Amino acid sequence: GQGLIARLHTFAMPTPTVTLAAPGRTIKAAFLCDARERDLEPLELRKGLVQVPMPGAIATVRLLF
């Protein structure tokens, strides 16, 4: 599909919120995905940054530029 997939992993518990950026690129949209890379819900963009609330130890995010 379109975009770039980012897989995030954390050892921290409780799971933190992660901020994603793409220096040199403009993120137009971002989606939290399931393990099969299907969109689950859109993520909020703020000033070119995406805040990802980690649903557990692993998260998959699709970024559109």
PDB file of N, CA and C in Angstrom:
ATOM      1  N   GLY A   1       0.811  -1.175   0.000  1.00  0.00           N
ATOM      2  CA  GLY A   1       0.000   0.000   0.000  1.00  0.00           C
ATOM      3  C   GLY A   1       0.865   1.253   0.000  1.00  0.00           C
ATOM      4  N   GLN A   2       0.207   2.338   0.183  1.00  0.00           N
ATOM      5  CA  GLN A   2       0.885   3.625   0.180  1.00  0.00           C
ATOM      6  C   GLN A   2       1.500   3.914   1.541  1.00  0.00           C
ATOM      7  N   GLY A   3       2.560   4.724   1.529  1.00  0.00           N
ATOM      8  CA  GLY A   3       3.159   5.205   2.766  1.00  0.00           C
ATOM      9  C   GLY A   3       4.319   4.364   3.250  1.00  0.00           C
ATOM     10  N   LEU A   4       4.739   4.714   4.441  1.00  0.00           N
ATOM     11  CA  LEU A   4       5.866   4.058   5.095  1.00  0.00           C
ATOM     12  C   LEU A   4       5.363   3.433   6.386  1.00  0.00           C
ATOM     13  N   ILE A   5       5.715   2.183   6.624  1.00  0.00           N
ATOM     14  CA  ILE A   5       5.320   1.491   7.848  1.00  0.00           C
ATOM     15  C   ILE A   5       6.444   1.609   8.865  1.00  0.00           C
ATOM     16  N   ALA A   6       6.075   1.990  10.082  1.00  0.00           N
ATOM     17  CA  ALA A   6       7.037   2.039  11.195  1.00  0.00           C
ATOM     18  C   ALA A   6       6.528   1.087  12.273  1.00  0.00           C
ATOM     19  N   ARG A   7       7.393   0.189  12.718  1.00  0.00           N
ATOM     20  CA  ARG A   7       7.041  -0.706  13.817  1.00  0.00           C
ATOM     21  C   ARG A   7       7.808  -0.250  15.044  1.00  0.00           C
ATOM     22  N   LEU A   8       7.080  -0.022  16.102  1.00  0.00           N
ATOM     23  CA  LEU A   8       7.659   0.492  17.339  1.00  0.00           C
ATOM     24  C   LEU A   8       7.593  -0.580  18.414  1.00  0.00           C
ATOM     25  N   HIS A   9       8.632  -0.648  19.236  1.00  0.00           N
ATOM     26  CA  HIS A   9       8.689  -1.615  20.331  1.00  0.00           C
ATOM     27  C   HIS A   9       9.209  -0.913  21.570  1.00  0.00           C
ATOM     28  N   THR A  10       8.618  -1.213  22.711  1.00  0.00           N
ATOM     29  CA  THR A  10       9.071  -0.632  23.960  1.00  0.00           C
ATOM     30  C   THR A  10       9.174  -1.701  25.030  1.00  0.00           C
ATOM     31  N   PHE A  11      10.125  -1.517  25.924  1.00  0.00           N
ATOM     32  CA  PHE A  11      10.251  -2.374  27.094  1.00  0.00           C
ATOM     33  C   PHE A  11       9.661  -1.691  28.320  1.00  0.00           C
ATOM     34  N   ALA A  12       9.291  -0.408  28.173  1.00  0.00           N
ATOM     35  CA  ALA A  12       8.781   0.381  29.294  1.00  0.00           C
ATOM     36  C   ALA A  12       7.337  -0.010  29.609  1.00  0.00           C
ATOM     37  N   MET A  13       7.055  -0.133  30.870  1.00  0.00           N
ATOM     38  CA  MET A  13       5.689  -0.389  31.329  1.00  0.00           C
ATOM     39  C   MET A  13       5.409   0.563  32.479  1.00  0.00           C
ATOM     40  N   PRO A  14       4.338   1.306  32.520  1.00  0.00           N
ATOM     41  CA  PRO A  14       3.315   1.305  31.472  1.00  0.00           C
ATOM     42  C   PRO A  14       3.863   1.903  30.190  1.00  0.00           C
ATOM     43  N   THR A  15       3.220   1.569  29.103  1.00  0.00           N
ATOM     44  CA  THR A  15       3.736   1.988  27.801  1.00  0.00           C
ATOM     45  C   THR A  15       3.611   3.494  27.617  1.00  0.00           C
ATOM     46  N   PRO A  16       4.645   4.137  27.096  1.00  0.00           N
ATOM     47  CA  PRO A  16       4.659   5.596  26.925  1.00  0.00           C
ATOM     48  C   PRO A  16       3.969   6.015  25.623  1.00  0.00           C
ATOM     49  N   THR A  17       3.811   7.298  25.446  1.00  0.00           N
ATOM     50  CA  THR A  17       3.411   7.860  24.157  1.00  0.00           C
ATOM     51  C   THR A  17       4.694   8.193  23.409  1.00  0.00           C
ATOM     52  N   VAL A  18       4.757   7.809  22.141  1.00  0.00           N
ATOM     53  CA  VAL A  18       5.951   8.006  21.319  1.00  0.00           C
ATOM     54  C   VAL A  18       5.672   9.109  20.305  1.00  0.00           C
ATOM     55  N   THR A  19       6.649   9.971  20.059  1.00  0.00           N
ATOM     56  CA  THR A  19       6.529  11.022  19.059  1.00  0.00           C
ATOM     57  C   THR A  19       7.356  10.644  17.836  1.00  0.00           C
ATOM     58  N   LEU A  20       6.720  10.650  16.666  1.00  0.00           N
ATOM     59  CA  LEU A  20       7.411  10.340  15.415  1.00  0.00           C
ATOM     60  C   LEU A  20       7.546  11.605  14.574  1.00  0.00           C
ATOM     61  N   ALA A  21       8.690  11.744  13.934  1.00  0.00           N
ATOM     62  CA  ALA A  21       8.945  12.844  13.008  1.00  0.00           C
ATOM     63  C   ALA A  21       9.652  12.277  11.784  1.00  0.00           C
ATOM     64  N   ALA A  22       9.617  13.011  10.691  1.00  0.00           N
ATOM     65  CA  ALA A  22      10.307  12.612   9.465  1.00  0.00           C
ATOM     66  C   ALA A  22      11.062  13.829   8.937  1.00  0.00           C
ATOM     67  N   PRO A  23      12.262  14.079   9.459  1.00  0.00           N
ATOM     68  CA  PRO A  23      13.034  15.235   9.009  1.00  0.00           C
ATOM     69  C   PRO A  23      13.210  15.233   7.485  1.00  0.00           C
ATOM     70  N   GLY A  24      12.967  16.384   6.880  1.00  0.00           N
ATOM     71  CA  GLY A  24      13.103  16.496   5.431  1.00  0.00           C
ATOM     72  C   GLY A  24      11.859  16.088   4.666  1.00  0.00           C
ATOM     73  N   ARG A  25      10.845  15.592   5.361  1.00  0.00           N
ATOM     74  CA  ARG A  25       9.591  15.182   4.726  1.00  0.00           C
ATOM     75  C   ARG A  25       8.427  15.753   5.520  1.00  0.00           C
ATOM     76  N   THR A  26       7.296  15.929   4.864  1.00  0.00           N
ATOM     77  CA  THR A  26       6.097  16.419   5.531  1.00  0.00           C
ATOM     78  C   THR A  26       5.112  15.273   5.679  1.00  0.00           C
ATOM     79  N   ILE A  27       4.779  14.926   6.907  1.00  0.00           N
ATOM     80  CA  ILE A  27       3.798  13.878   7.157  1.00  0.00           C
ATOM     81  C   ILE A  27       2.413  14.477   6.939  1.00  0.00           C
ATOM     82  N   LYS A  28       1.638  13.891   6.026  1.00  0.00           N
ATOM     83  CA  LYS A  28       0.302  14.387   5.716  1.00  0.00           C
ATOM     84  C   LYS A  28      -0.774  13.667   6.510  1.00  0.00           C
ATOM     85  N   ALA A  29      -0.517  12.394   6.864  1.00  0.00           N
ATOM     86  CA  ALA A  29      -1.478  11.612   7.637  1.00  0.00           C
ATOM     87  C   ALA A  29      -0.733  10.444   8.284  1.00  0.00           C
ATOM     88  N   ALA A  30      -1.307   9.934   9.377  1.00  0.00           N
ATOM     89  CA  ALA A  30      -0.722   8.781  10.063  1.00  0.00           C
ATOM     90  C   ALA A  30      -1.845   7.932  10.639  1.00  0.00           C
ATOM     91  N   PHE A  31      -1.649   6.623  10.625  1.00  0.00           N
ATOM     92  CA  PHE A  31      -2.671   5.694  11.089  1.00  0.00           C
ATOM     93  C   PHE A  31      -2.051   4.624  11.975  1.00  0.00           C
ATOM     94  N   LEU A  32      -2.715   4.313  13.077  1.00  0.00           N
ATOM     95  CA  LEU A  32      -2.352   3.154  13.881  1.00  0.00           C
ATOM     96  C   LEU A  32      -2.866   1.937  13.128  1.00  0.00           C
ATOM     97  N   CYS A  33      -2.031   0.918  12.966  1.00  0.00           N
ATOM     98  CA  CYS A  33      -2.393  -0.261  12.183  1.00  0.00           C
ATOM     99  C   CYS A  33      -2.332  -1.519  13.036  1.00  0.00           C
ATOM    100  N   ASP A  34      -2.943  -2.584  12.519  1.00  0.00           N
ATOM    101  CA  ASP A  34      -2.805  -3.883  13.164  1.00  0.00           C
ATOM    102  C   ASP A  34      -1.541  -4.562  12.622  1.00  0.00           C
ATOM    103  N   ALA A  35      -1.277  -5.767  13.069  1.00  0.00           N
ATOM    104  CA  ALA A  35      -0.054  -6.479  12.667  1.00  0.00           C
ATOM    105  C   ALA A  35      -0.015  -6.782  11.172  1.00  0.00           C
ATOM    106  N   ARG A  36      -1.180  -6.778  10.518  1.00  0.00           N
ATOM    107  CA  ARG A  36      -1.237  -7.023   9.077  1.00  0.00           C
ATOM    108  C   ARG A  36      -1.242  -5.715   8.280  1.00  0.00           C
ATOM    109  N   GLU A  37      -0.927  -4.613   8.966  1.00  0.00           N
ATOM    110  CA  GLU A  37      -0.780  -3.287   8.370  1.00  0.00           C
ATOM    111  C   GLU A  37      -2.088  -2.728   7.819  1.00  0.00           C
ATOM    112  N   ARG A  38      -3.210  -3.105   8.443  1.00  0.00           N
ATOM    113  CA  ARG A  38      -4.512  -2.530   8.101  1.00  0.00           C
ATOM    114  C   ARG A  38      -4.771  -1.370   9.047  1.00  0.00           C
ATOM    115  N   ASP A  39      -5.264  -0.256   8.509  1.00  0.00           N
ATOM    116  CA  ASP A  39      -5.535   0.923   9.325  1.00  0.00           C
ATOM    117  C   ASP A  39      -6.604   0.625  10.372  1.00  0.00           C
ATOM    118  N   LEU A  40      -6.323   1.011  11.623  1.00  0.00           N
ATOM    119  CA  LEU A  40      -7.282   0.880  12.709  1.00  0.00           C
ATOM    120  C   LEU A  40      -7.911   2.225  13.046  1.00  0.00           C
ATOM    121  N   GLU A  41      -7.070   3.253  13.152  1.00  0.00           N
ATOM    122  CA  GLU A  41      -7.570   4.592  13.478  1.00  0.00           C
ATOM    123  C   GLU A  41      -6.546   5.643  13.074  1.00  0.00           C
ATOM    124  N   PRO A  42      -7.038   6.827  12.700  1.00  0.00           N
ATOM    125  CA  PRO A  42      -6.109   7.906  12.357  1.00  0.00           C
ATOM    126  C   PRO A  42      -5.437   8.442  13.621  1.00  0.00           C
ATOM    127  N   LEU A  43      -4.213   8.915  13.466  1.00  0.00           N
ATOM    128  CA  LEU A  43      -3.473   9.525  14.572  1.00  0.00           C
ATOM    129  C   LEU A  43      -3.393  11.026  14.339  1.00  0.00           C
ATOM    130  N   GLU A  44      -3.377  11.771  15.428  1.00  0.00           N
ATOM    131  CA  GLU A  44      -3.358  13.226  15.352  1.00  0.00           C
ATOM    132  C   GLU A  44      -1.972  13.740  14.962  1.00  0.00           C
ATOM    133  N   LEU A  45      -1.967  14.705  14.043  1.00  0.00           N
ATOM    134  CA  LEU A  45      -0.733  15.390  13.634  1.00  0.00           C
ATOM    135  C   LEU A  45      -0.699  16.742  14.317  1.00  0.00           C
ATOM    136  N   ARG A  46       0.472  17.109  14.855  1.00  0.00           N
ATOM    137  CA  ARG A  46       0.674  18.435  15.442  1.00  0.00           C
ATOM    138  C   ARG A  46       2.027  18.960  14.989  1.00  0.00           C
ATOM    139  N   LYS A  47       1.987  19.998  14.173  1.00  0.00           N
ATOM    140  CA  LYS A  47       3.210  20.645  13.688  1.00  0.00           C
ATOM    141  C   LYS A  47       4.169  19.650  13.051  1.00  0.00           C
ATOM    142  N   GLY A  48       3.648  18.732  12.261  1.00  0.00           N
ATOM    143  CA  GLY A  48       4.482  17.755  11.565  1.00  0.00           C
ATOM    144  C   GLY A  48       4.927  16.578  12.393  1.00  0.00           C
ATOM    145  N   LEU A  49       4.444  16.467  13.625  1.00  0.00           N
ATOM    146  CA  LEU A  49       4.800  15.360  14.512  1.00  0.00           C
ATOM    147  C   LEU A  49       3.568  14.492  14.767  1.00  0.00           C
ATOM    148  N   VAL A  50       3.795  13.214  14.928  1.00  0.00           N
ATOM    149  CA  VAL A  50       2.716  12.266  15.210  1.00  0.00           C
ATOM    150  C   VAL A  50       2.897  11.731  16.621  1.00  0.00           C
ATOM    151  N   GLN A  51       1.845  11.834  17.418  1.00  0.00           N
ATOM    152  CA  GLN A  51       1.851  11.267  18.764  1.00  0.00           C
ATOM    153  C   GLN A  51       1.229   9.875  18.682  1.00  0.00           C
ATOM    154  N   VAL A  52       1.987   8.861  19.089  1.00  0.00           N
ATOM    155  CA  VAL A  52       1.511   7.476  19.026  1.00  0.00           C
ATOM    156  C   VAL A  52       1.324   6.949  20.440  1.00  0.00           C
ATOM    157  N   PRO A  53       0.073   6.782  20.876  1.00  0.00           N
ATOM    158  CA  PRO A  53      -0.153   6.157  22.174  1.00  0.00           C
ATOM    159  C   PRO A  53       0.079   4.653  22.004  1.00  0.00           C
ATOM    160  N   MET A  54       1.096   4.133  22.647  1.00  0.00           N
ATOM    161  CA  MET A  54       1.441   2.722  22.490  1.00  0.00           C
ATOM    162  C   MET A  54       0.322   1.856  23.102  1.00  0.00           C
ATOM    163  N   PRO A  55      -0.338   1.020  22.277  1.00  0.00           N
ATOM    164  CA  PRO A  55      -1.416   0.184  22.785  1.00  0.00           C
ATOM    165  C   PRO A  55      -0.908  -1.012  23.599  1.00  0.00           C
ATOM    166  N   GLY A  56       0.372  -1.267  23.519  1.00  0.00           N
ATOM    167  CA  GLY A  56       1.035  -2.365  24.219  1.00  0.00           C
ATOM    168  C   GLY A  56       2.520  -2.233  23.980  1.00  0.00           C
ATOM    169  N   ALA A  57       3.230  -3.342  23.994  1.00  0.00           N
ATOM    170  CA  ALA A  57       4.673  -3.309  23.792  1.00  0.00           C
ATOM    171  C   ALA A  57       5.052  -3.060  22.332  1.00  0.00           C
ATOM    172  N   ILE A  58       4.132  -3.321  21.400  1.00  0.00           N
ATOM    173  CA  ILE A  58       4.418  -3.164  19.973  1.00  0.00           C
ATOM    174  C   ILE A  58       3.308  -2.344  19.331  1.00  0.00           C
ATOM    175  N   ALA A  59       3.690  -1.445  18.411  1.00  0.00           N
ATOM    176  CA  ALA A  59       2.710  -0.676  17.634  1.00  0.00           C
ATOM    177  C   ALA A  59       3.189  -0.594  16.189  1.00  0.00           C
ATOM    178  N   THR A  60       2.247  -0.604  15.268  1.00  0.00           N
ATOM    179  CA  THR A  60       2.535  -0.436  13.842  1.00  0.00           C
ATOM    180  C   THR A  60       1.834   0.835  13.389  1.00  0.00           C
ATOM    181  N   VAL A  61       2.584   1.699  12.706  1.00  0.00           N
ATOM    182  CA  VAL A  61       2.063   2.984  12.252  1.00  0.00           C
ATOM    183  C   VAL A  61       2.342   3.128  10.765  1.00  0.00           C
ATOM    184  N   ARG A  62       1.337   3.644  10.025  1.00  0.00           N
ATOM    185  CA  ARG A  62       1.523   3.931   8.596  1.00  0.00           C
ATOM    186  C   ARG A  62       1.560   5.439   8.448  1.00  0.00           C
ATOM    187  N   LEU A  63       2.641   5.931   7.830  1.00  0.00           N
ATOM    188  CA  LEU A  63       2.814   7.360   7.597  1.00  0.00           C
ATOM    189  C   LEU A  63       2.648   7.663   6.121  1.00  0.00           C
ATOM    190  N   LEU A  64       1.873   8.700   5.818  1.00  0.00           N
ATOM    191  CA  LEU A  64       1.693   9.148   4.431  1.00  0.00           C
ATOM    192  C   LEU A  64       2.375  10.493   4.264  1.00  0.00           C
ATOM    193  N   PHE A  65       3.127  10.655   3.175  1.00  0.00           N
ATOM    194  CA  PHE A  65       3.865  11.876   2.894  1.00  0.00           C
ATOM    195  C   PHE A  65       3.276  12.595   1.712  1.00  0.00           C
TER     196      PHE A  65
END
